[in-house]
Protein backbone atom coordinates (compact mmCIF):
# COMPACT_ATOMS: atom_id res chain seq x y z
CA MET A 1 -3.87 22.49 -5.98
CA SER A 2 -7.15 24.13 -5.00
CA HIS A 3 -7.59 26.43 -2.05
CA GLY A 4 -10.48 26.67 0.35
CA ASP A 5 -12.57 23.50 0.42
CA ALA A 6 -9.57 21.29 -0.25
CA GLU A 7 -10.20 17.49 0.06
CA LYS A 8 -8.20 15.25 2.30
CA THR A 9 -6.46 14.13 -0.84
CA ALA A 10 -4.85 17.49 -1.50
CA PHE A 11 -1.34 15.98 -1.67
CA THR A 12 -1.83 13.93 -4.76
CA PRO A 13 -0.54 12.04 -6.59
CA SER A 14 1.20 9.94 -4.01
CA PRO A 15 4.03 10.25 -3.49
CA TYR A 16 3.68 13.99 -3.76
CA ILE A 17 7.23 15.20 -4.35
CA VAL A 18 8.43 18.59 -3.08
CA ALA A 19 11.68 20.19 -4.34
CA GLU A 20 13.14 22.25 -1.46
CA MET A 21 15.20 25.16 -2.66
CA ALA A 22 16.13 26.48 0.85
CA SER A 23 18.98 28.96 0.42
CA ALA A 24 20.43 27.49 -2.73
CA HIS A 25 19.31 30.62 -4.56
CA MET A 26 22.31 32.54 -2.93
CA GLY A 27 20.18 35.67 -2.70
CA GLU A 28 19.86 35.96 -6.49
CA VAL A 29 16.42 36.09 -8.13
CA GLU A 30 17.59 34.72 -11.40
CA ARG A 31 19.19 31.79 -9.73
CA ALA A 32 15.93 31.14 -7.77
CA ARG A 33 14.18 31.10 -11.15
CA ALA A 34 16.68 28.68 -12.57
CA ILE A 35 16.32 26.25 -9.64
CA THR A 36 12.52 26.52 -9.96
CA ALA A 37 12.76 25.66 -13.70
CA ALA A 38 14.98 22.71 -12.80
CA ALA A 39 12.35 21.43 -10.41
CA VAL A 40 9.75 21.73 -13.09
CA GLU A 41 11.92 19.84 -15.63
CA ALA A 42 12.60 17.15 -12.93
CA GLY A 43 8.97 16.43 -12.55
CA ALA A 44 8.52 17.63 -8.91
CA HIS A 45 4.95 18.44 -7.93
CA ALA A 46 5.95 21.51 -5.86
CA ILE A 47 8.83 23.83 -5.35
CA LYS A 48 9.32 24.99 -1.80
CA TYR A 49 10.71 28.35 -0.76
CA GLN A 50 11.69 29.68 2.62
CA ILE A 51 10.38 33.18 3.25
CA TRP A 52 11.86 35.02 6.22
CA SER A 53 13.26 38.33 7.44
CA ARG A 54 16.69 38.18 9.04
CA ASP A 55 16.07 40.98 11.58
CA ALA A 56 12.55 39.86 12.32
CA GLY A 57 13.76 36.34 13.23
CA THR A 58 17.42 36.50 14.21
CA THR A 59 19.49 38.44 16.73
CA PRO A 60 22.78 40.05 15.61
CA ASP A 61 24.81 37.74 17.83
CA HIS A 62 23.57 34.53 16.05
CA GLU A 63 26.36 32.87 14.04
CA ASP A 64 24.19 32.98 10.85
CA TYR A 65 23.21 36.63 11.15
CA GLU A 66 25.65 37.98 8.54
CA ALA A 67 25.08 35.15 6.07
CA LEU A 68 21.33 35.52 6.30
CA GLY A 69 21.70 39.17 5.27
CA GLU A 70 23.27 38.07 1.99
CA LEU A 71 20.52 35.55 1.24
CA GLU A 72 17.39 37.49 2.08
CA PHE A 73 14.83 38.45 -0.56
CA CYS A 74 12.39 41.38 -0.19
CA ARG A 75 8.67 41.13 -0.62
CA THR A 76 8.79 42.23 -4.27
CA GLU A 77 11.46 39.72 -5.15
CA TRP A 78 9.51 36.85 -3.54
CA LEU A 79 6.40 37.85 -5.39
CA ASP A 80 8.33 37.84 -8.66
CA ILE A 81 9.80 34.37 -7.94
CA MET A 82 6.36 32.90 -6.92
CA ALA A 83 4.76 34.35 -10.03
CA PHE A 84 7.53 32.71 -12.10
CA ALA A 85 6.81 29.35 -10.54
CA ALA A 86 3.02 29.67 -10.95
CA ALA A 87 3.55 30.39 -14.64
CA GLN A 88 5.52 27.18 -14.95
CA GLY A 89 2.57 25.16 -13.64
CA ILE A 90 4.21 23.86 -10.47
CA ASP A 91 2.69 24.10 -7.02
CA VAL A 92 4.29 26.56 -4.67
CA ALA A 93 5.00 25.58 -1.12
CA VAL A 94 6.43 28.05 1.41
CA ASP A 95 8.10 27.77 4.78
CA VAL A 96 6.73 30.66 6.69
CA ASP A 97 8.64 32.14 9.54
CA ASP A 98 6.26 34.62 11.06
CA LEU A 99 3.00 36.47 10.22
CA GLU A 100 4.72 38.90 7.89
CA SER A 101 6.23 36.11 5.72
CA LEU A 102 2.83 34.35 5.87
CA ALA A 103 1.24 37.51 4.35
CA VAL A 104 3.79 37.52 1.54
CA ALA A 105 3.18 33.90 0.82
CA LEU A 106 -0.57 34.41 0.70
CA GLU A 107 -0.17 37.53 -1.50
CA GLY A 108 1.96 35.41 -3.89
CA GLY A 109 -0.78 32.77 -4.16
CA VAL A 110 0.95 30.06 -2.20
CA ASP A 111 -0.51 26.53 -2.61
CA ILE A 112 0.98 24.83 0.47
CA LEU A 113 2.23 26.20 3.71
CA LYS A 114 4.88 24.54 5.93
CA ILE A 115 5.73 25.06 9.53
CA ARG A 116 9.34 24.31 10.13
CA ALA A 117 10.45 22.52 13.31
CA SER A 118 12.00 25.71 14.50
CA ASN A 119 8.57 27.26 14.63
CA ILE A 120 6.53 24.31 15.99
CA ALA A 121 6.06 26.16 19.38
CA CYS A 122 4.97 29.45 17.74
CA HIS A 123 1.29 28.96 18.40
CA GLU A 124 0.15 32.25 16.95
CA LEU A 125 1.72 31.32 13.63
CA LEU A 126 0.22 27.92 13.73
CA GLU A 127 -3.22 29.36 14.32
CA SER A 128 -2.87 31.84 11.48
CA VAL A 129 -1.57 29.15 9.09
CA ALA A 130 -4.50 26.81 9.91
CA LYS A 131 -7.05 29.56 9.22
CA THR A 132 -5.84 30.08 5.65
CA ALA A 133 -7.44 26.77 4.49
CA ARG A 134 -4.25 25.96 2.66
CA PRO A 135 -2.76 22.43 2.96
CA VAL A 136 -0.17 22.27 5.71
CA LEU A 137 3.09 20.45 6.15
CA LEU A 138 4.16 20.31 9.80
CA ALA A 139 7.89 19.44 10.37
CA THR A 140 8.29 17.14 13.42
CA GLY A 141 12.04 16.59 13.40
CA ALA A 142 13.98 17.57 16.51
CA SER A 143 10.73 18.12 18.34
CA THR A 144 9.32 16.47 21.43
CA THR A 145 6.10 14.46 21.48
CA GLU A 146 4.47 17.21 23.64
CA GLU A 147 5.47 19.84 21.08
CA ILE A 148 4.06 17.80 18.11
CA SER A 149 0.86 17.02 20.02
CA ALA A 150 0.25 20.71 20.92
CA ALA A 151 0.97 21.85 17.38
CA VAL A 152 -1.33 19.25 15.83
CA GLU A 153 -4.15 20.14 18.25
CA ILE A 154 -3.78 23.83 17.44
CA LEU A 155 -3.75 23.34 13.64
CA LEU A 156 -6.80 21.08 13.68
CA HIS A 157 -8.72 23.20 16.17
CA ASN A 158 -8.24 26.23 13.95
CA GLY A 159 -9.48 24.56 10.75
CA ALA A 160 -6.52 22.86 9.18
CA GLN A 161 -8.02 20.30 6.72
CA ASP A 162 -5.05 18.88 4.84
CA LEU A 163 -2.36 18.30 7.38
CA VAL A 164 0.68 16.08 6.75
CA LEU A 165 3.25 15.46 9.45
CA MET A 166 6.72 15.57 8.03
CA HIS A 167 9.43 13.40 9.64
CA GLY A 168 13.17 14.18 9.13
CA PHE A 169 15.58 16.93 9.93
CA GLN A 170 18.66 18.62 8.46
CA ALA A 171 21.98 17.78 10.06
CA PHE A 172 24.22 18.77 7.03
CA PRO A 173 23.69 15.97 6.07
CA THR A 174 21.62 13.64 8.23
CA GLN A 175 23.22 10.36 9.05
CA PRO A 176 21.31 6.99 8.51
CA ALA A 177 21.45 6.24 12.23
CA ASP A 178 19.64 9.52 12.92
CA THR A 179 16.91 8.89 10.26
CA HIS A 180 14.55 6.42 12.10
CA LEU A 181 12.04 5.75 9.25
CA ARG A 182 9.95 3.61 11.56
CA ALA A 183 8.83 6.83 13.18
CA LEU A 184 6.64 7.44 10.12
CA ARG A 185 4.21 4.62 11.04
CA SER A 186 4.28 5.74 14.63
CA LEU A 187 3.33 9.30 13.71
CA ALA A 188 0.52 8.13 11.40
CA THR A 189 -0.93 5.76 14.01
CA HIS A 190 -0.63 8.13 16.97
CA TYR A 191 -2.00 11.25 15.26
CA GLY A 192 -4.26 9.73 12.56
CA GLN A 193 -2.81 11.99 9.99
CA PRO A 194 -0.95 11.40 6.71
CA VAL A 195 2.86 11.48 7.04
CA GLY A 196 5.71 12.61 4.82
CA TYR A 197 9.42 12.52 4.92
CA ALA A 198 11.90 15.40 4.41
CA ASP A 199 15.11 13.77 3.30
CA HIS A 200 18.51 15.22 4.09
CA ALA A 201 20.74 12.24 3.20
CA ASP A 202 24.17 13.01 1.72
CA SER A 203 23.64 13.67 -1.98
CA ASN A 204 26.97 12.15 -2.81
CA SER A 205 25.73 8.84 -1.45
CA PRO A 206 23.25 6.25 -2.94
CA LEU A 207 21.27 6.88 0.25
CA ALA A 208 19.98 10.07 -1.36
CA TYR A 209 17.87 7.81 -3.48
CA LEU A 210 17.45 4.78 -1.30
CA ILE A 211 16.21 6.47 1.86
CA PRO A 212 13.32 8.39 0.06
CA ALA A 213 12.33 5.08 -1.50
CA ALA A 214 12.41 3.40 1.81
CA ALA A 215 10.36 6.22 3.33
CA LEU A 216 7.73 5.69 0.67
CA ALA A 217 7.58 2.03 1.51
CA ALA A 218 7.25 3.01 5.19
CA GLY A 219 4.16 5.02 4.50
CA ALA A 220 5.33 8.53 3.46
CA ARG A 221 2.70 10.24 1.25
CA VAL A 222 4.90 13.30 0.74
CA ILE A 223 8.64 13.25 -0.14
CA GLU A 224 10.69 16.41 0.20
CA LYS A 225 14.26 16.66 -1.10
CA HIS A 226 16.65 19.63 -1.58
CA ILE A 227 17.28 20.73 -5.14
CA THR A 228 20.04 22.98 -6.69
CA ILE A 229 21.71 23.46 -10.05
CA ASP A 230 25.38 23.18 -9.16
CA ARG A 231 25.98 21.04 -6.13
CA GLU A 232 29.55 20.49 -7.14
CA LYS A 233 30.32 24.15 -6.23
CA GLU A 234 29.26 23.49 -2.64
CA THR A 235 27.18 26.62 -2.29
CA HIS A 236 24.48 27.14 0.41
CA ASP A 237 22.45 24.00 1.27
CA PHE A 238 24.40 21.74 -1.12
CA GLU A 239 24.94 18.92 1.39
CA SER A 240 21.63 17.02 0.77
CA ALA A 241 20.62 18.71 -2.57
CA LEU A 242 20.40 17.02 -5.89
CA ASN A 243 21.07 18.72 -9.17
CA GLY A 244 18.05 18.98 -11.52
CA PRO A 245 18.91 15.76 -13.64
CA GLU A 246 19.58 13.85 -10.39
CA PHE A 247 16.27 15.04 -8.89
CA LYS A 248 14.55 13.82 -12.08
CA LEU A 249 16.04 10.42 -11.59
CA LEU A 250 14.77 10.41 -7.97
CA VAL A 251 11.24 11.31 -9.22
CA GLN A 252 11.45 8.43 -11.77
CA GLN A 253 12.64 5.96 -9.14
CA LEU A 254 9.95 6.93 -6.64
CA GLU A 255 7.31 6.34 -9.33
CA GLN A 256 8.73 2.84 -10.01
CA VAL A 257 8.77 2.15 -6.23
CA ARG A 258 5.22 3.38 -5.94
CA THR A 259 4.14 1.03 -8.82
CA ALA A 260 6.08 -1.87 -7.20
CA LEU A 261 4.33 -1.30 -3.80
CA GLY A 262 0.95 -1.94 -5.44
CA THR A 263 -1.89 -2.73 -2.94
CA ASP A 264 -2.28 -4.85 0.05
CA GLU A 265 -4.63 -7.16 -1.75
CA HIS A 266 -4.66 -7.59 -5.47
CA PRO A 267 -6.18 -9.90 -8.07
CA MET A 268 -3.97 -12.36 -9.89
CA THR A 269 -2.28 -10.45 -12.68
CA ALA A 270 -1.75 -11.69 -16.24
CA ALA A 271 2.02 -11.87 -15.46
CA GLU A 272 1.33 -14.06 -12.38
CA ASN A 273 -0.96 -16.30 -14.29
CA ALA A 274 1.71 -16.67 -17.02
CA TYR A 275 4.20 -17.58 -14.21
CA ARG A 276 1.84 -20.20 -12.86
CA ASP A 277 1.25 -21.71 -16.29
CA ARG A 278 5.00 -22.01 -16.88
CA PHE A 279 6.30 -23.08 -13.50
CA ARG A 280 3.57 -24.69 -11.38
CA LYS A 281 3.51 -28.55 -11.38
CA SER A 282 0.56 -30.56 -12.67
CA VAL A 283 -0.51 -34.24 -12.21
CA VAL A 284 0.97 -36.23 -15.11
CA ALA A 285 1.19 -39.87 -16.00
CA ALA A 286 4.35 -41.39 -14.50
CA VAL A 287 3.97 -44.39 -16.85
CA ASP A 288 1.81 -45.27 -19.83
CA ILE A 289 -1.72 -45.87 -18.54
CA SER A 290 -4.06 -48.06 -20.46
CA ALA A 291 -7.79 -47.46 -20.93
CA GLY A 292 -9.76 -49.00 -18.01
CA GLU A 293 -6.75 -49.17 -15.80
CA THR A 294 -7.25 -47.97 -12.17
CA ILE A 295 -5.00 -45.14 -11.40
CA THR A 296 -2.89 -45.45 -8.23
CA ALA A 297 -0.14 -43.33 -6.71
CA LEU A 298 2.34 -45.35 -8.73
CA HIS A 299 0.71 -44.17 -11.98
CA ILE A 300 1.13 -40.46 -11.36
CA GLY A 301 3.82 -37.81 -10.83
CA PHE A 302 4.00 -34.13 -10.43
CA LYS A 303 5.83 -32.19 -13.12
CA ARG A 304 5.91 -28.92 -14.94
CA SER A 305 4.15 -29.43 -18.23
CA GLY A 306 3.90 -27.60 -21.51
CA VAL A 307 0.14 -27.75 -21.11
CA PRO A 308 -0.93 -27.05 -17.50
CA GLY A 309 -3.04 -29.68 -15.92
CA THR A 310 -4.59 -30.56 -12.59
CA ALA A 311 -2.87 -29.15 -9.54
CA PRO A 312 -1.19 -31.69 -7.23
CA ASP A 313 -3.55 -30.95 -4.38
CA GLU A 314 -6.37 -32.17 -6.62
CA ALA A 315 -4.76 -35.57 -7.21
CA PRO A 316 -7.13 -37.31 -4.75
CA GLY A 317 -9.91 -36.69 -7.25
CA ILE A 318 -8.02 -38.82 -9.86
CA LEU A 319 -6.69 -41.64 -7.69
CA GLY A 320 -8.81 -44.84 -7.51
CA LYS A 321 -10.58 -44.05 -10.77
CA ALA A 322 -10.27 -45.75 -14.18
CA ALA A 323 -8.80 -44.18 -17.21
CA ILE A 324 -11.37 -43.54 -19.92
CA ALA A 325 -8.72 -43.86 -22.70
CA ASP A 326 -5.02 -44.50 -22.98
CA ILE A 327 -2.86 -41.86 -21.29
CA PRO A 328 0.69 -41.71 -22.51
CA VAL A 329 3.55 -41.15 -20.05
CA ASN A 330 4.16 -37.46 -19.20
CA SER A 331 0.65 -36.46 -20.32
CA PRO A 332 -1.33 -34.19 -17.98
CA ILE A 333 -4.23 -36.01 -16.31
CA HIS A 334 -7.55 -34.21 -15.91
CA PRO A 335 -10.57 -35.34 -13.89
CA LYS A 336 -12.52 -35.59 -17.13
CA MET A 337 -10.09 -38.30 -18.28
CA VAL A 338 -11.18 -40.73 -15.50
CA ARG A 339 -14.41 -42.14 -14.13
């Protein structure tokens, strides 16, 4: 993905699939590398990391404070992980938490920046992200319309060129009733920006595959899904994460859905023409018709024929005319056979 003068189609192909690592790395660089490699093998277009500093973003009395200390990577470790991803040929997306994490992401050559819903009201961060000229994913889940509108205005005013509004939120896992995929069209219509979907459906459920497919059909251009390498161990962020081979299946299924969606208007395909030839009815002789005999409604019928003939709605062009030659029963009748 190019930087700088990126086109509006930066998130291509569509769907552009992002593998979200979150904290599945467990604070281990080699595990982060392994998850990145799994995303590459699965066919994801981007791997997404979350860069943050516990003490810069969390107070000691927060319930996650101790756990965050075990999961935090330093600048050098993040640069190592990002370099590994770049060497694998996969785009790197980063959730940035503040200006310091933004600087680390830029130093590591990040391709895509994401603003999490928890930072949607951090206007200084929004301005700085927009000015990087990187494509931007803006999380809109658990945010008010006023917050989303303000964030979009700030991003666009400060030069964001490739902005995608991401619907969805993590509820460990998110329930179907809280998903509201119809909001995708509302977001796209209201803000005039492409939309995407960050899926957090229970990965033990078929919904982990069905809901992303439904989101694609509802207009999502970007699909984000958590990835890990050992979900069965129930480590950090396992609830909505797919193991590498499962993520690969998701990628394959989304490609099939994309193909099935096709276009709003399309020319008749060879398969459709073959279907018509086999199953559409034609005008045929209901009885043996002699040469010179005037054809009436009693002489014709509508049947599927081995050789396609005149469509039923063109029968008036045959009725009342005389057969040029004998027409055996069940034979297709064409206008050129009468006068």
